[in-house]
Amino acid sequence: MNNLTLALDSAWKVLLIGILIGAGLPAIFAFGIRSMAYGTGGDAEVHATGSAGPRPHPIGRIGAAACFGVVLLGVALGITFIVATGFGKELSFEHVYPTLVAKD
């Protein structure tokens, strides 16, 4: 019974990370694209009446930059994890920021 408990404990952690990285980063990227569209004025199509369309919103650009920053950070951490493993190191989150430490 102890083996089943250990397996289920590990399985939910793998599932959570898979959802966060597998669906979370693309969702944040999509939200960043949507925020960028809002930041540039909303509609991308040409208005038939010749009007200028909606005004740009600075908060949309700020939101887009924040979303793209989170996605880039996730990609950079993933690449760092892969490269560190190849050099015999591991990525540690023991402190607030990630560091590379020697494997035990």
N, C-alpha and C. Protein backbone atom coordinates (compact mmCIF):
# COMPACT_ATOMS: atom_id res chain seq x y z
N MET A 1 0.82 -1.19 0.00
CA MET A 1 0.00 0.00 0.00
C MET A 1 0.86 1.26 0.00
N ASN A 2 2.04 1.16 0.64
CA ASN A 2 2.95 2.30 0.69
C ASN A 2 3.45 2.67 -0.71
N ASN A 3 3.67 1.65 -1.56
CA ASN A 3 4.12 1.92 -2.93
C ASN A 3 3.06 2.68 -3.72
N LEU A 4 1.81 2.32 -3.54
CA LEU A 4 0.73 3.01 -4.23
C LEU A 4 0.63 4.46 -3.79
N THR A 5 0.80 4.71 -2.51
CA THR A 5 0.78 6.08 -1.99
C THR A 5 1.92 6.90 -2.57
N LEU A 6 3.10 6.32 -2.63
CA LEU A 6 4.26 7.02 -3.21
C LEU A 6 4.05 7.29 -4.70
N ALA A 7 3.48 6.33 -5.42
CA ALA A 7 3.24 6.50 -6.85
C ALA A 7 2.21 7.60 -7.10
N LEU A 8 1.14 7.61 -6.32
CA LEU A 8 0.12 8.64 -6.50
C LEU A 8 0.63 10.02 -6.10
N ASP A 9 1.48 10.07 -5.08
CA ASP A 9 2.07 11.34 -4.66
C ASP A 9 2.94 11.92 -5.77
N SER A 10 3.71 11.08 -6.42
CA SER A 10 4.55 11.54 -7.52
C SER A 10 3.72 11.85 -8.76
N ALA A 11 2.67 11.10 -9.00
CA ALA A 11 1.86 11.29 -10.20
C ALA A 11 1.16 12.64 -10.20
N TRP A 12 0.67 13.10 -9.07
CA TRP A 12 -0.03 14.40 -9.08
C TRP A 12 0.96 15.53 -9.30
N LYS A 13 2.21 15.36 -8.83
CA LYS A 13 3.23 16.39 -9.07
C LYS A 13 3.57 16.47 -10.56
N VAL A 14 3.72 15.32 -11.19
CA VAL A 14 4.01 15.29 -12.63
C VAL A 14 2.83 15.87 -13.41
N LEU A 15 1.63 15.54 -13.02
CA LEU A 15 0.44 16.08 -13.69
C LEU A 15 0.36 17.59 -13.54
N LEU A 16 0.63 18.10 -12.37
CA LEU A 16 0.57 19.54 -12.14
C LEU A 16 1.60 20.28 -12.99
N ILE A 17 2.83 19.81 -13.01
CA ILE A 17 3.87 20.45 -13.83
C ILE A 17 3.53 20.32 -15.31
N GLY A 18 3.01 19.19 -15.71
CA GLY A 18 2.61 19.02 -17.11
C GLY A 18 1.53 19.99 -17.53
N ILE A 19 0.58 20.22 -16.65
CA ILE A 19 -0.49 21.18 -16.96
C ILE A 19 0.06 22.60 -17.00
N LEU A 20 0.90 22.95 -16.02
CA LEU A 20 1.44 24.30 -15.98
C LEU A 20 2.31 24.61 -17.19
N ILE A 21 3.19 23.70 -17.53
CA ILE A 21 4.10 23.95 -18.65
C ILE A 21 3.44 23.61 -19.98
N GLY A 22 2.72 22.52 -20.03
CA GLY A 22 2.12 22.08 -21.28
C GLY A 22 0.97 22.93 -21.75
N ALA A 23 0.16 23.42 -20.84
CA ALA A 23 -0.98 24.24 -21.22
C ALA A 23 -0.87 25.66 -20.68
N GLY A 24 -0.15 25.83 -19.60
CA GLY A 24 -0.06 27.14 -18.97
C GLY A 24 0.74 28.14 -19.77
N LEU A 25 1.93 27.76 -20.23
CA LEU A 25 2.75 28.71 -20.99
C LEU A 25 2.11 29.10 -22.31
N PRO A 26 1.55 28.17 -23.09
CA PRO A 26 0.85 28.61 -24.30
C PRO A 26 -0.37 29.49 -24.01
N ALA A 27 -1.05 29.24 -22.89
CA ALA A 27 -2.20 30.08 -22.53
C ALA A 27 -1.74 31.49 -22.15
N ILE A 28 -0.62 31.59 -21.43
CA ILE A 28 -0.09 32.91 -21.08
C ILE A 28 0.37 33.63 -22.34
N PHE A 29 0.98 32.90 -23.29
CA PHE A 29 1.40 33.51 -24.55
C PHE A 29 0.18 34.03 -25.32
N ALA A 30 -0.89 33.24 -25.37
CA ALA A 30 -2.11 33.66 -26.06
C ALA A 30 -2.71 34.90 -25.40
N PHE A 31 -2.68 34.93 -24.06
CA PHE A 31 -3.18 36.11 -23.36
C PHE A 31 -2.31 37.32 -23.66
N GLY A 32 -0.99 37.11 -23.84
CA GLY A 32 -0.09 38.20 -24.22
C GLY A 32 -0.40 38.74 -25.60
N ILE A 33 -0.72 37.86 -26.53
CA ILE A 33 -1.11 38.30 -27.88
C ILE A 33 -2.40 39.10 -27.81
N ARG A 34 -3.34 38.62 -27.02
CA ARG A 34 -4.61 39.34 -26.87
C ARG A 34 -4.39 40.70 -26.21
N SER A 35 -3.51 40.76 -25.22
CA SER A 35 -3.20 42.04 -24.57
C SER A 35 -2.51 43.00 -25.52
N MET A 36 -1.65 42.47 -26.40
CA MET A 36 -0.98 43.32 -27.37
C MET A 36 -2.00 43.91 -28.35
N ALA A 37 -2.99 43.11 -28.75
CA ALA A 37 -4.03 43.62 -29.64
C ALA A 37 -4.83 44.71 -28.94
N TYR A 38 -5.11 44.52 -27.66
CA TYR A 38 -5.82 45.54 -26.89
C TYR A 38 -4.95 46.79 -26.75
N GLY A 39 -3.64 46.60 -26.61
CA GLY A 39 -2.73 47.72 -26.45
C GLY A 39 -2.56 48.55 -27.71
N THR A 40 -2.76 47.94 -28.87
CA THR A 40 -2.63 48.69 -30.12
C THR A 40 -3.94 49.24 -30.61
N GLY A 41 -4.99 49.00 -29.93
CA GLY A 41 -6.27 49.59 -30.32
C GLY A 41 -7.37 48.59 -30.51
N GLY A 42 -7.13 47.35 -30.33
CA GLY A 42 -8.20 46.37 -30.38
C GLY A 42 -8.37 45.68 -31.71
N ASP A 43 -9.01 46.31 -32.65
CA ASP A 43 -9.36 45.66 -33.91
C ASP A 43 -8.20 45.73 -34.90
N ALA A 44 -7.95 44.63 -35.58
CA ALA A 44 -6.88 44.59 -36.56
C ALA A 44 -7.40 44.88 -37.96
N GLU A 45 -8.69 44.76 -38.18
CA GLU A 45 -9.23 44.96 -39.53
C GLU A 45 -9.44 46.45 -39.82
N VAL A 46 -9.48 46.77 -41.08
CA VAL A 46 -9.70 48.14 -41.52
C VAL A 46 -11.19 48.44 -41.38
N HIS A 47 -11.49 49.61 -40.87
CA HIS A 47 -12.90 50.00 -40.71
C HIS A 47 -13.45 50.51 -42.02
N ALA A 48 -14.63 50.02 -42.38
CA ALA A 48 -15.24 50.39 -43.66
C ALA A 48 -15.62 51.87 -43.69
N THR A 49 -15.93 52.44 -42.57
CA THR A 49 -16.36 53.83 -42.55
C THR A 49 -15.20 54.81 -42.60
N GLY A 50 -13.98 54.28 -42.51
CA GLY A 50 -12.81 55.15 -42.54
C GLY A 50 -12.48 55.77 -41.20
N SER A 51 -13.18 55.35 -40.16
CA SER A 51 -12.90 55.91 -38.83
C SER A 51 -11.58 55.35 -38.31
N ALA A 52 -11.04 55.99 -37.33
CA ALA A 52 -9.74 55.60 -36.78
C ALA A 52 -9.82 54.31 -35.98
N GLY A 53 -10.97 53.95 -35.48
CA GLY A 53 -11.09 52.73 -34.69
C GLY A 53 -10.82 53.00 -33.22
N PRO A 54 -10.74 51.95 -32.43
CA PRO A 54 -10.52 52.14 -31.00
C PRO A 54 -9.14 52.73 -30.70
N ARG A 55 -9.06 53.44 -29.60
CA ARG A 55 -7.79 54.05 -29.19
C ARG A 55 -6.88 53.00 -28.57
N PRO A 56 -5.56 53.19 -28.69
CA PRO A 56 -4.63 52.27 -28.02
C PRO A 56 -4.70 52.41 -26.50
N HIS A 57 -4.42 51.33 -25.81
CA HIS A 57 -4.45 51.31 -24.35
C HIS A 57 -3.07 50.90 -23.84
N PRO A 58 -2.40 51.76 -23.07
CA PRO A 58 -1.06 51.41 -22.57
C PRO A 58 -1.06 50.19 -21.65
N ILE A 59 -2.13 49.95 -20.95
CA ILE A 59 -2.18 48.80 -20.04
C ILE A 59 -2.10 47.49 -20.81
N GLY A 60 -2.59 47.48 -22.04
CA GLY A 60 -2.50 46.28 -22.88
C GLY A 60 -1.06 45.96 -23.23
N ARG A 61 -0.28 46.97 -23.53
CA ARG A 61 1.13 46.75 -23.85
C ARG A 61 1.90 46.28 -22.62
N ILE A 62 1.57 46.84 -21.47
CA ILE A 62 2.23 46.42 -20.22
C ILE A 62 1.89 44.97 -19.91
N GLY A 63 0.62 44.62 -20.07
CA GLY A 63 0.20 43.23 -19.85
C GLY A 63 0.86 42.26 -20.82
N ALA A 64 0.99 42.67 -22.08
CA ALA A 64 1.63 41.82 -23.08
C ALA A 64 3.10 41.62 -22.73
N ALA A 65 3.78 42.68 -22.32
CA ALA A 65 5.19 42.57 -21.95
C ALA A 65 5.36 41.64 -20.75
N ALA A 66 4.47 41.73 -19.78
CA ALA A 66 4.54 40.86 -18.61
C ALA A 66 4.31 39.39 -19.00
N CYS A 67 3.33 39.14 -19.85
CA CYS A 67 3.05 37.77 -20.29
C CYS A 67 4.22 37.19 -21.08
N PHE A 68 4.77 37.97 -22.01
CA PHE A 68 5.89 37.48 -22.79
C PHE A 68 7.13 37.27 -21.92
N GLY A 69 7.29 38.10 -20.90
CA GLY A 69 8.41 37.92 -19.97
C GLY A 69 8.29 36.62 -19.20
N VAL A 70 7.10 36.28 -18.76
CA VAL A 70 6.89 35.02 -18.04
C VAL A 70 7.17 33.83 -18.95
N VAL A 71 6.71 33.90 -20.20
CA VAL A 71 6.95 32.81 -21.14
C VAL A 71 8.44 32.67 -21.44
N LEU A 72 9.12 33.78 -21.66
CA LEU A 72 10.56 33.73 -21.92
C LEU A 72 11.33 33.18 -20.71
N LEU A 73 10.90 33.55 -19.52
CA LEU A 73 11.53 33.02 -18.31
C LEU A 73 11.35 31.51 -18.21
N GLY A 74 10.15 31.03 -18.52
CA GLY A 74 9.89 29.59 -18.50
C GLY A 74 10.74 28.84 -19.52
N VAL A 75 10.86 29.39 -20.73
CA VAL A 75 11.68 28.76 -21.76
C VAL A 75 13.15 28.78 -21.35
N ALA A 76 13.62 29.91 -20.81
CA ALA A 76 15.01 30.01 -20.39
C ALA A 76 15.33 29.02 -19.26
N LEU A 77 14.41 28.86 -18.31
CA LEU A 77 14.63 27.89 -17.23
C LEU A 77 14.64 26.46 -17.76
N GLY A 78 13.79 26.18 -18.73
CA GLY A 78 13.78 24.84 -19.33
C GLY A 78 15.08 24.53 -20.05
N ILE A 79 15.58 25.48 -20.82
CA ILE A 79 16.85 25.28 -21.52
C ILE A 79 17.99 25.17 -20.52
N THR A 80 17.96 25.99 -19.48
CA THR A 80 19.00 25.93 -18.44
C THR A 80 19.00 24.57 -17.76
N PHE A 81 17.83 24.03 -17.49
CA PHE A 81 17.73 22.71 -16.87
C PHE A 81 18.35 21.63 -17.75
N ILE A 82 18.06 21.68 -19.04
CA ILE A 82 18.59 20.68 -19.97
C ILE A 82 20.10 20.79 -20.10
N VAL A 83 20.60 22.01 -20.27
CA VAL A 83 22.04 22.22 -20.43
C VAL A 83 22.78 21.87 -19.13
N ALA A 84 22.24 22.26 -17.99
CA ALA A 84 22.89 21.97 -16.71
C ALA A 84 23.01 20.47 -16.49
N THR A 85 22.02 19.72 -16.87
CA THR A 85 22.07 18.27 -16.72
C THR A 85 23.19 17.69 -17.56
N GLY A 86 23.40 18.23 -18.75
CA GLY A 86 24.47 17.76 -19.62
C GLY A 86 25.85 18.05 -19.06
N PHE A 87 25.99 19.09 -18.27
CA PHE A 87 27.27 19.44 -17.67
C PHE A 87 27.46 18.84 -16.27
N GLY A 88 26.57 17.98 -15.85
CA GLY A 88 26.70 17.34 -14.54
C GLY A 88 26.26 18.23 -13.39
N LYS A 89 25.43 19.19 -13.65
CA LYS A 89 24.91 20.08 -12.62
C LYS A 89 23.40 19.91 -12.56
N GLU A 90 22.79 20.57 -11.60
CA GLU A 90 21.33 20.58 -11.53
C GLU A 90 20.85 21.96 -11.16
N LEU A 91 19.63 22.24 -11.54
CA LEU A 91 19.00 23.53 -11.28
C LEU A 91 18.32 23.46 -9.92
N SER A 92 18.74 24.34 -9.00
CA SER A 92 18.20 24.32 -7.65
C SER A 92 17.37 25.57 -7.41
N PHE A 93 16.23 25.39 -6.79
CA PHE A 93 15.37 26.50 -6.41
C PHE A 93 15.37 26.66 -4.89
N GLU A 94 16.50 26.33 -4.28
CA GLU A 94 16.61 26.42 -2.83
C GLU A 94 16.48 27.86 -2.35
N HIS A 95 17.00 28.79 -3.11
CA HIS A 95 16.88 30.21 -2.79
C HIS A 95 15.69 30.78 -3.56
N VAL A 96 15.51 32.05 -3.51
CA VAL A 96 14.41 32.68 -4.22
C VAL A 96 14.62 32.58 -5.73
N TYR A 97 15.87 32.67 -6.16
CA TYR A 97 16.20 32.62 -7.58
C TYR A 97 16.87 31.28 -7.90
N PRO A 98 16.76 30.80 -9.14
CA PRO A 98 17.35 29.50 -9.49
C PRO A 98 18.87 29.59 -9.57
N THR A 99 19.55 28.56 -9.10
CA THR A 99 21.01 28.49 -9.15
C THR A 99 21.43 27.12 -9.67
N LEU A 100 22.62 27.05 -10.22
CA LEU A 100 23.19 25.78 -10.66
C LEU A 100 24.11 25.25 -9.58
N VAL A 101 23.88 24.00 -9.19
CA VAL A 101 24.70 23.36 -8.15
C VAL A 101 25.18 22.02 -8.67
N ALA A 102 26.26 21.52 -8.09
CA ALA A 102 26.79 20.23 -8.47
C ALA A 102 25.83 19.12 -8.02
N LYS A 103 25.73 18.08 -8.83
CA LYS A 103 24.89 16.95 -8.44
C LYS A 103 25.53 16.19 -7.30
N ASP A 104 24.70 15.66 -6.43
CA ASP A 104 25.21 14.91 -5.28
C ASP A 104 25.64 13.52 -5.67
